Amino acid sequence: MRTNFCSNGGTCHAEVTMGEYYCICAPGYSGEKCDIKEPSHSKFLLADKIE
């Protein structure tokens, strides 16, 4: 396992047979190295004004 490969609390895993590394990202992050913050989903609902 490599250290400091994954960002933002992601966990690094090795694919031994292929000699590759990949990250399992923490919630709210994505990308090859967990370096992309996913947009948060607001709990507010936007609706048209009812008249």
N, C-alpha and C. Protein backbone atom coordinates (compact mmCIF):
# COMPACT_ATOMS: atom_id res chain seq x y z
N MET A 1 0.83 -1.17 0.00
CA MET A 1 0.00 0.00 0.00
C MET A 1 0.89 1.25 0.00
N ARG A 2 0.51 2.23 -0.80
CA ARG A 2 1.26 3.48 -0.83
C ARG A 2 0.70 4.43 0.21
N THR A 3 1.56 5.23 0.80
CA THR A 3 1.09 6.23 1.75
C THR A 3 0.97 7.57 1.04
N ASN A 4 0.05 8.39 1.49
CA ASN A 4 -0.17 9.73 0.94
C ASN A 4 -0.56 9.73 -0.53
N PHE A 5 -1.06 8.64 -1.07
CA PHE A 5 -1.49 8.60 -2.46
C PHE A 5 -2.89 9.18 -2.60
N CYS A 6 -3.78 8.86 -1.67
CA CYS A 6 -5.17 9.32 -1.70
C CYS A 6 -5.34 10.54 -0.80
N SER A 7 -6.11 11.50 -1.27
CA SER A 7 -6.35 12.73 -0.51
C SER A 7 -7.66 12.64 0.26
N ASN A 8 -7.86 13.59 1.16
CA ASN A 8 -9.14 13.81 1.85
C ASN A 8 -9.71 12.57 2.53
N GLY A 9 -8.87 11.80 3.18
CA GLY A 9 -9.33 10.64 3.94
C GLY A 9 -9.60 9.40 3.11
N GLY A 10 -9.20 9.42 1.83
CA GLY A 10 -9.38 8.24 0.99
C GLY A 10 -8.42 7.13 1.41
N THR A 11 -8.79 5.90 1.12
CA THR A 11 -7.98 4.74 1.47
C THR A 11 -7.34 4.16 0.22
N CYS A 12 -6.04 3.96 0.25
CA CYS A 12 -5.30 3.44 -0.89
C CYS A 12 -5.31 1.91 -0.87
N HIS A 13 -5.58 1.32 -2.03
CA HIS A 13 -5.57 -0.14 -2.19
C HIS A 13 -4.70 -0.50 -3.38
N ALA A 14 -4.07 -1.66 -3.31
CA ALA A 14 -3.20 -2.12 -4.39
C ALA A 14 -3.85 -3.26 -5.16
N GLU A 15 -3.75 -3.20 -6.47
CA GLU A 15 -4.14 -4.31 -7.35
C GLU A 15 -2.82 -5.01 -7.68
N VAL A 16 -2.47 -5.99 -6.87
CA VAL A 16 -1.15 -6.62 -6.93
C VAL A 16 -0.84 -7.22 -8.29
N THR A 17 -1.78 -7.91 -8.89
CA THR A 17 -1.50 -8.59 -10.16
C THR A 17 -1.21 -7.61 -11.29
N MET A 18 -1.73 -6.40 -11.20
CA MET A 18 -1.50 -5.41 -12.25
C MET A 18 -0.51 -4.33 -11.83
N GLY A 19 -0.10 -4.34 -10.57
CA GLY A 19 0.85 -3.35 -10.08
C GLY A 19 0.28 -1.94 -10.06
N GLU A 20 -1.01 -1.83 -9.81
CA GLU A 20 -1.67 -0.52 -9.80
C GLU A 20 -2.24 -0.22 -8.43
N TYR A 21 -2.47 1.06 -8.19
CA TYR A 21 -3.07 1.52 -6.95
C TYR A 21 -4.37 2.24 -7.28
N TYR A 22 -5.32 2.16 -6.36
CA TYR A 22 -6.56 2.91 -6.53
C TYR A 22 -7.05 3.37 -5.16
N CYS A 23 -7.93 4.35 -5.18
CA CYS A 23 -8.44 4.92 -3.94
C CYS A 23 -9.91 4.60 -3.73
N ILE A 24 -10.26 4.34 -2.50
CA ILE A 24 -11.65 4.29 -2.08
C ILE A 24 -11.86 5.61 -1.34
N CYS A 25 -12.68 6.47 -1.92
CA CYS A 25 -12.83 7.83 -1.39
C CYS A 25 -13.81 7.91 -0.22
N ALA A 26 -13.54 8.86 0.65
CA ALA A 26 -14.46 9.17 1.75
C ALA A 26 -15.70 9.83 1.17
N PRO A 27 -16.82 9.75 1.87
CA PRO A 27 -18.04 10.40 1.39
C PRO A 27 -17.79 11.88 1.10
N GLY A 28 -18.31 12.34 -0.03
CA GLY A 28 -18.17 13.74 -0.41
C GLY A 28 -17.00 14.02 -1.33
N TYR A 29 -16.20 12.98 -1.65
CA TYR A 29 -15.04 13.16 -2.52
C TYR A 29 -15.02 12.09 -3.61
N SER A 30 -14.43 12.45 -4.74
CA SER A 30 -14.30 11.50 -5.85
C SER A 30 -13.02 11.81 -6.61
N GLY A 31 -12.81 11.10 -7.69
CA GLY A 31 -11.61 11.30 -8.50
C GLY A 31 -10.59 10.21 -8.25
N GLU A 32 -9.61 10.14 -9.12
CA GLU A 32 -8.58 9.09 -9.05
C GLU A 32 -7.87 9.09 -7.71
N LYS A 33 -7.62 10.28 -7.16
CA LYS A 33 -6.92 10.39 -5.88
C LYS A 33 -7.79 11.03 -4.80
N CYS A 34 -9.11 10.99 -5.00
CA CYS A 34 -10.07 11.57 -4.04
C CYS A 34 -9.84 13.07 -3.86
N ASP A 35 -9.43 13.73 -4.93
CA ASP A 35 -9.11 15.15 -4.84
C ASP A 35 -10.21 16.06 -5.38
N ILE A 36 -11.36 15.49 -5.72
CA ILE A 36 -12.47 16.29 -6.25
C ILE A 36 -13.59 16.29 -5.21
N LYS A 37 -13.91 17.49 -4.73
CA LYS A 37 -15.00 17.62 -3.76
C LYS A 37 -16.32 17.62 -4.51
N GLU A 38 -17.19 16.71 -4.13
CA GLU A 38 -18.50 16.62 -4.78
C GLU A 38 -19.39 17.72 -4.22
N PRO A 39 -20.27 18.26 -5.06
CA PRO A 39 -21.17 19.32 -4.56
C PRO A 39 -22.08 18.77 -3.48
N SER A 40 -22.29 19.58 -2.46
CA SER A 40 -23.20 19.15 -1.40
C SER A 40 -24.62 19.36 -1.88
N HIS A 41 -25.49 18.49 -1.47
CA HIS A 41 -26.89 18.59 -1.86
C HIS A 41 -27.64 19.34 -0.76
N SER A 42 -28.13 20.49 -1.12
CA SER A 42 -28.84 21.33 -0.16
C SER A 42 -30.14 20.66 0.27
N LYS A 43 -30.52 20.89 1.49
CA LYS A 43 -31.78 20.35 1.99
C LYS A 43 -32.95 21.27 1.66
N PHE A 44 -32.67 22.39 1.01
CA PHE A 44 -33.72 23.34 0.66
C PHE A 44 -34.32 22.97 -0.69
N LEU A 45 -35.60 23.16 -0.80
CA LEU A 45 -36.31 22.89 -2.04
C LEU A 45 -36.72 24.22 -2.66
N LEU A 46 -36.33 24.43 -3.90
CA LEU A 46 -36.72 25.65 -4.59
C LEU A 46 -38.03 25.37 -5.32
N ALA A 47 -39.01 26.24 -5.13
CA ALA A 47 -40.30 26.07 -5.77
C ALA A 47 -40.81 27.42 -6.25
N ASP A 48 -41.68 27.38 -7.24
CA ASP A 48 -42.31 28.61 -7.73
C ASP A 48 -43.27 29.12 -6.68
N LYS A 49 -43.44 30.43 -6.67
CA LYS A 49 -44.37 31.06 -5.75
C LYS A 49 -45.80 30.69 -6.17
N ILE A 50 -46.59 30.25 -5.22
CA ILE A 50 -47.99 29.90 -5.51
C ILE A 50 -48.85 31.11 -5.18
N GLU A 51 -49.64 31.52 -6.15
CA GLU A 51 -50.51 32.68 -5.93
C GLU A 51 -51.95 32.28 -5.88
